[in-house]
Amino acid sequence: MLRVLKILLGLTIFGVLIYLIFFTALFEIQKIEVTGNEATVTEQSTLNEILQEHLGKNLLTFNTTALEQELYLDYPYLKGLNVSRDFFHVLAVNLETYENVANVRIEFENGTEQLYVVNELGFVSGTGTSLEELPTLVMDVAGTDMDLSALGTEEPASTPSAPTETADSTETTPEK
């Protein structure tokens, strides 16, 4: 009889633990924390809003791996994206960017210039600014018909050019 009572007590305790873990607010996600460096401020704000839909879900059964994979599809330019559980009520996301390696200054023949910061993958990570601690690459585009409008520059778009072969050299002539 004592053995049966021990088994019933064990099952009761197990049932109560299961109930507390899965069916109460004990492990409910109540807060979303998104962190990263200053280069990810926009992403932090956006992700904080997007992840609000997960509030109220169970932290223990929440699939952090699936969320990481989904976020990497939306933010492939991030170097690191880590989703973790901070017990008892916090879902934490940490963002990491690629390191900035150079400034690029494009000088136009009318005297204007555009500034960009480029990361270690060669992607533009900042426009209209430069970082003093980084080397600066200068591109003089005087005499060319470069269309930089796709990069979001203020420079007016011009007619694209196509190379044409001559006997001596390659020249650039405007297309009609």
C-alpha atoms as a PDB file:
ATOM      1  CA  MET A   1       0.000   0.000   0.000  1.00  0.00           C
ATOM      2  CA  LEU A   2       2.859   2.362   0.836  1.00  0.00           C
ATOM      3  CA  ARG A   3       4.400   1.644  -2.553  1.00  0.00           C
ATOM      4  CA  VAL A   4       1.160   2.614  -4.319  1.00  0.00           C
ATOM      5  CA  LEU A   5       1.022   5.879  -2.352  1.00  0.00           C
ATOM      6  CA  LYS A   6       4.614   6.694  -3.330  1.00  0.00           C
ATOM      7  CA  ILE A   7       3.790   6.058  -6.995  1.00  0.00           C
ATOM      8  CA  LEU A   8       0.643   8.199  -6.767  1.00  0.00           C
ATOM      9  CA  LEU A   9       2.588  10.968  -5.000  1.00  0.00           C
ATOM     10  CA  GLY A  10       5.304  10.805  -7.675  1.00  0.00           C
ATOM     11  CA  LEU A  11       2.741  10.959 -10.485  1.00  0.00           C
ATOM     12  CA  THR A  12       0.982  13.859  -8.793  1.00  0.00           C
ATOM     13  CA  ILE A  13       4.212  15.808  -8.407  1.00  0.00           C
ATOM     14  CA  PHE A  14       5.124  15.036 -12.027  1.00  0.00           C
ATOM     15  CA  GLY A  15       1.679  16.182 -13.193  1.00  0.00           C
ATOM     16  CA  VAL A  16       1.925  19.401 -11.193  1.00  0.00           C
ATOM     17  CA  LEU A  17       5.392  20.117 -12.647  1.00  0.00           C
ATOM     18  CA  ILE A  18       4.141  19.498 -16.203  1.00  0.00           C
ATOM     19  CA  TYR A  19       1.203  21.793 -15.540  1.00  0.00           C
ATOM     20  CA  LEU A  20       3.450  24.527 -14.076  1.00  0.00           C
ATOM     21  CA  ILE A  21       5.918  24.306 -16.946  1.00  0.00           C
ATOM     22  CA  PHE A  22       3.526  24.191 -19.899  1.00  0.00           C
ATOM     23  CA  PHE A  23       0.188  25.618 -18.781  1.00  0.00           C
ATOM     24  CA  THR A  24       0.993  28.523 -16.467  1.00  0.00           C
ATOM     25  CA  ALA A  25       2.796  31.846 -16.822  1.00  0.00           C
ATOM     26  CA  LEU A  26       5.881  30.445 -15.063  1.00  0.00           C
ATOM     27  CA  PHE A  27       7.832  30.224 -18.364  1.00  0.00           C
ATOM     28  CA  GLU A  28       5.742  32.623 -20.438  1.00  0.00           C
ATOM     29  CA  ILE A  29       7.653  35.047 -22.686  1.00  0.00           C
ATOM     30  CA  GLN A  30       6.892  38.439 -21.168  1.00  0.00           C
ATOM     31  CA  LYS A  31       9.756  40.508 -22.569  1.00  0.00           C
ATOM     32  CA  ILE A  32      11.732  40.750 -25.803  1.00  0.00           C
ATOM     33  CA  GLU A  33      15.297  42.107 -25.622  1.00  0.00           C
ATOM     34  CA  VAL A  34      17.102  42.930 -28.871  1.00  0.00           C
ATOM     35  CA  THR A  35      20.713  44.101 -28.514  1.00  0.00           C
ATOM     36  CA  GLY A  36      23.581  44.957 -30.825  1.00  0.00           C
ATOM     37  CA  ASN A  37      26.000  47.734 -31.642  1.00  0.00           C
ATOM     38  CA  GLU A  38      25.014  51.179 -32.863  1.00  0.00           C
ATOM     39  CA  ALA A  39      25.111  50.007 -36.498  1.00  0.00           C
ATOM     40  CA  THR A  40      22.076  47.780 -35.826  1.00  0.00           C
ATOM     41  CA  VAL A  41      19.798  50.335 -34.168  1.00  0.00           C
ATOM     42  CA  THR A  42      17.255  50.221 -37.008  1.00  0.00           C
ATOM     43  CA  GLU A  43      17.213  46.404 -37.047  1.00  0.00           C
ATOM     44  CA  GLN A  44      16.903  46.317 -33.246  1.00  0.00           C
ATOM     45  CA  SER A  45      13.832  48.520 -33.341  1.00  0.00           C
ATOM     46  CA  THR A  46      12.240  46.576 -36.208  1.00  0.00           C
ATOM     47  CA  LEU A  47      12.908  43.182 -34.630  1.00  0.00           C
ATOM     48  CA  ASN A  48      11.593  44.342 -31.275  1.00  0.00           C
ATOM     49  CA  GLU A  49       8.288  45.198 -32.955  1.00  0.00           C
ATOM     50  CA  ILE A  50       8.161  41.997 -35.051  1.00  0.00           C
ATOM     51  CA  LEU A  51       8.946  39.707 -32.117  1.00  0.00           C
ATOM     52  CA  GLN A  52       6.121  41.111 -29.989  1.00  0.00           C
ATOM     53  CA  GLU A  53       3.884  38.452 -31.573  1.00  0.00           C
ATOM     54  CA  HIS A  54       5.769  35.835 -29.538  1.00  0.00           C
ATOM     55  CA  LEU A  55       4.826  37.354 -26.193  1.00  0.00           C
ATOM     56  CA  GLY A  56       2.782  34.897 -24.144  1.00  0.00           C
ATOM     57  CA  LYS A  57       4.325  31.795 -25.729  1.00  0.00           C
ATOM     58  CA  ASN A  58       6.126  29.217 -23.613  1.00  0.00           C
ATOM     59  CA  LEU A  59       9.840  29.988 -23.338  1.00  0.00           C
ATOM     60  CA  LEU A  60      10.835  26.339 -22.911  1.00  0.00           C
ATOM     61  CA  THR A  61       9.052  25.104 -26.024  1.00  0.00           C
ATOM     62  CA  PHE A  62       9.925  28.131 -28.159  1.00  0.00           C
ATOM     63  CA  ASN A  63      12.039  27.100 -31.188  1.00  0.00           C
ATOM     64  CA  THR A  64      14.946  29.560 -31.133  1.00  0.00           C
ATOM     65  CA  THR A  65      16.757  27.787 -33.993  1.00  0.00           C
ATOM     66  CA  ALA A  66      13.825  28.210 -36.367  1.00  0.00           C
ATOM     67  CA  LEU A  67      13.560  31.901 -35.445  1.00  0.00           C
ATOM     68  CA  GLU A  68      17.304  32.405 -36.063  1.00  0.00           C
ATOM     69  CA  GLN A  69      17.011  30.805 -39.507  1.00  0.00           C
ATOM     70  CA  GLU A  70      13.983  32.946 -40.358  1.00  0.00           C
ATOM     71  CA  LEU A  71      15.753  36.127 -39.255  1.00  0.00           C
ATOM     72  CA  TYR A  72      18.917  35.271 -41.221  1.00  0.00           C
ATOM     73  CA  LEU A  73      16.733  35.125 -44.347  1.00  0.00           C
ATOM     74  CA  ASP A  74      15.445  38.633 -43.591  1.00  0.00           C
ATOM     75  CA  TYR A  75      18.852  40.039 -42.528  1.00  0.00           C
ATOM     76  CA  PRO A  76      21.546  38.185 -44.522  1.00  0.00           C
ATOM     77  CA  TYR A  77      24.005  41.071 -44.157  1.00  0.00           C
ATOM     78  CA  LEU A  78      24.390  40.451 -40.411  1.00  0.00           C
ATOM     79  CA  LYS A  79      27.505  38.597 -39.285  1.00  0.00           C
ATOM     80  CA  GLY A  80      25.859  37.137 -36.224  1.00  0.00           C
ATOM     81  CA  LEU A  81      22.326  36.706 -35.004  1.00  0.00           C
ATOM     82  CA  ASN A  82      21.802  34.816 -31.767  1.00  0.00           C
ATOM     83  CA  VAL A  83      18.381  34.044 -30.271  1.00  0.00           C
ATOM     84  CA  SER A  84      18.433  32.792 -26.674  1.00  0.00           C
ATOM     85  CA  ARG A  85      16.238  32.279 -23.636  1.00  0.00           C
ATOM     86  CA  ASP A  86      16.906  34.285 -20.490  1.00  0.00           C
ATOM     87  CA  PHE A  87      14.917  32.538 -17.784  1.00  0.00           C
ATOM     88  CA  PHE A  88      12.209  32.941 -16.740  1.00  0.00           C
ATOM     89  CA  HIS A  89      10.454  35.371 -19.066  1.00  0.00           C
ATOM     90  CA  VAL A  90      12.865  36.897 -21.613  1.00  0.00           C
ATOM     91  CA  LEU A  91      13.504  36.077 -25.264  1.00  0.00           C
ATOM     92  CA  ALA A  92      16.844  37.703 -26.157  1.00  0.00           C
ATOM     93  CA  VAL A  93      18.217  38.460 -29.631  1.00  0.00           C
ATOM     94  CA  ASN A  94      21.781  39.714 -30.157  1.00  0.00           C
ATOM     95  CA  LEU A  95      22.817  41.209 -33.510  1.00  0.00           C
ATOM     96  CA  GLU A  96      26.381  41.485 -34.795  1.00  0.00           C
ATOM     97  CA  THR A  97      27.514  43.323 -37.915  1.00  0.00           C
ATOM     98  CA  TYR A  98      30.547  42.922 -40.123  1.00  0.00           C
ATOM     99  CA  GLU A  99      33.395  45.272 -39.262  1.00  0.00           C
ATOM    100  CA  ASN A 100      33.729  48.510 -41.229  1.00  0.00           C
ATOM    101  CA  VAL A 101      37.034  48.580 -43.129  1.00  0.00           C
ATOM    102  CA  ALA A 102      37.143  51.666 -45.355  1.00  0.00           C
ATOM    103  CA  ASN A 103      35.632  54.992 -46.320  1.00  0.00           C
ATOM    104  CA  VAL A 104      34.892  55.600 -49.997  1.00  0.00           C
ATOM    105  CA  ARG A 105      34.725  59.160 -51.316  1.00  0.00           C
ATOM    106  CA  ILE A 106      33.423  59.658 -54.856  1.00  0.00           C
ATOM    107  CA  GLU A 107      34.376  63.034 -56.321  1.00  0.00           C
ATOM    108  CA  PHE A 108      32.359  64.438 -59.221  1.00  0.00           C
ATOM    109  CA  GLU A 109      33.583  66.977 -61.787  1.00  0.00           C
ATOM    110  CA  ASN A 110      31.106  69.604 -60.517  1.00  0.00           C
ATOM    111  CA  GLY A 111      32.958  69.586 -57.171  1.00  0.00           C
ATOM    112  CA  THR A 112      30.430  67.540 -55.206  1.00  0.00           C
ATOM    113  CA  GLU A 113      31.275  64.314 -53.447  1.00  0.00           C
ATOM    114  CA  GLN A 114      29.537  61.318 -51.929  1.00  0.00           C
ATOM    115  CA  LEU A 115      30.780  59.501 -48.824  1.00  0.00           C
ATOM    116  CA  TYR A 116      30.277  55.825 -48.002  1.00  0.00           C
ATOM    117  CA  VAL A 117      31.505  53.450 -45.324  1.00  0.00           C
ATOM    118  CA  VAL A 118      32.192  49.907 -46.555  1.00  0.00           C
ATOM    119  CA  ASN A 119      32.261  46.761 -44.394  1.00  0.00           C
ATOM    120  CA  GLU A 120      34.570  43.745 -44.632  1.00  0.00           C
ATOM    121  CA  LEU A 121      32.312  42.109 -47.239  1.00  0.00           C
ATOM    122  CA  GLY A 122      32.417  45.205 -49.443  1.00  0.00           C
ATOM    123  CA  PHE A 123      28.820  46.222 -48.723  1.00  0.00           C
ATOM    124  CA  VAL A 124      27.925  49.848 -48.042  1.00  0.00           C
ATOM    125  CA  SER A 125      27.158  50.109 -44.342  1.00  0.00           C
ATOM    126  CA  GLY A 126      26.816  53.883 -44.143  1.00  0.00           C
ATOM    127  CA  THR A 127      26.094  56.714 -46.559  1.00  0.00           C
ATOM    128  CA  GLY A 128      26.879  60.398 -46.281  1.00  0.00           C
ATOM    129  CA  THR A 129      29.413  59.838 -43.529  1.00  0.00           C
ATOM    130  CA  SER A 130      32.969  58.668 -42.949  1.00  0.00           C
ATOM    131  CA  LEU A 131      34.825  57.230 -39.979  1.00  0.00           C
ATOM    132  CA  GLU A 132      38.099  59.001 -39.153  1.00  0.00           C
ATOM    133  CA  GLU A 133      39.820  55.835 -37.940  1.00  0.00           C
ATOM    134  CA  LEU A 134      39.391  54.108 -41.340  1.00  0.00           C
ATOM    135  CA  PRO A 135      41.412  54.641 -44.523  1.00  0.00           C
ATOM    136  CA  THR A 136      39.691  56.569 -47.316  1.00  0.00           C
ATOM    137  CA  LEU A 137      39.571  55.419 -50.934  1.00  0.00           C
ATOM    138  CA  VAL A 138      38.988  58.276 -53.374  1.00  0.00           C
ATOM    139  CA  MET A 139      37.246  57.736 -56.707  1.00  0.00           C
ATOM    140  CA  ASP A 140      37.481  60.615 -59.155  1.00  0.00           C
ATOM    141  CA  VAL A 141      34.648  60.099 -61.628  1.00  0.00           C
ATOM    142  CA  ALA A 142      35.251  63.304 -63.589  1.00  0.00           C
ATOM    143  CA  GLY A 143      34.635  62.771 -67.282  1.00  0.00           C
ATOM    144  CA  THR A 144      32.528  59.627 -66.821  1.00  0.00           C
ATOM    145  CA  ASP A 145      28.823  59.045 -67.140  1.00  0.00           C
ATOM    146  CA  MET A 146      28.379  57.045 -63.947  1.00  0.00           C
ATOM    147  CA  ASP A 147      24.816  56.416 -62.786  1.00  0.00           C
ATOM    148  CA  LEU A 148      24.988  56.271 -58.989  1.00  0.00           C
ATOM    149  CA  SER A 149      21.275  56.759 -58.440  1.00  0.00           C
ATOM    150  CA  ALA A 150      20.882  53.107 -57.427  1.00  0.00           C
ATOM    151  CA  LEU A 151      23.140  53.813 -54.450  1.00  0.00           C
ATOM    152  CA  GLY A 152      20.870  56.602 -53.283  1.00  0.00           C
ATOM    153  CA  THR A 153      23.195  59.473 -54.163  1.00  0.00           C
ATOM    154  CA  GLU A 154      21.994  62.981 -54.727  1.00  0.00           C
ATOM    155  CA  GLU A 155      23.920  63.153 -58.000  1.00  0.00           C
ATOM    156  CA  PRO A 156      21.533  63.273 -60.993  1.00  0.00           C
ATOM    157  CA  ALA A 157      21.447  60.162 -63.133  1.00  0.00           C
ATOM    158  CA  SER A 158      23.069  60.503 -66.530  1.00  0.00           C
ATOM    159  CA  THR A 159      22.907  58.493 -69.705  1.00  0.00           C
ATOM    160  CA  PRO A 160      24.649  55.119 -69.338  1.00  0.00           C
ATOM    161  CA  SER A 161      27.558  54.441 -71.622  1.00  0.00           C
ATOM    162  CA  ALA A 162      28.685  51.369 -73.494  1.00  0.00           C
ATOM    163  CA  PRO A 163      32.267  50.615 -74.584  1.00  0.00           C
ATOM    164  CA  THR A 164      33.028  50.555 -78.293  1.00  0.00           C
ATOM    165  CA  GLU A 165      36.197  49.105 -79.827  1.00  0.00           C
ATOM    166  CA  THR A 166      38.473  51.082 -82.108  1.00  0.00           C
ATOM    167  CA  ALA A 167      41.714  50.054 -83.737  1.00  0.00           C
ATOM    168  CA  ASP A 168      43.877  51.736 -81.068  1.00  0.00           C
ATOM    169  CA  SER A 169      41.973  51.588 -77.821  1.00  0.00           C
ATOM    170  CA  THR A 170      38.631  51.226 -76.115  1.00  0.00           C
ATOM    171  CA  GLU A 171      36.478  54.344 -75.951  1.00  0.00           C
ATOM    172  CA  THR A 172      33.275  55.066 -74.114  1.00  0.00           C
ATOM    173  CA  THR A 173      30.456  56.611 -76.129  1.00  0.00           C
ATOM    174  CA  PRO A 174      26.976  57.470 -74.919  1.00  0.00           C
ATOM    175  CA  GLU A 175      24.132  55.242 -76.066  1.00  0.00           C
ATOM    176  CA  LYS A 176      21.186  56.846 -77.797  1.00  0.00           C
END
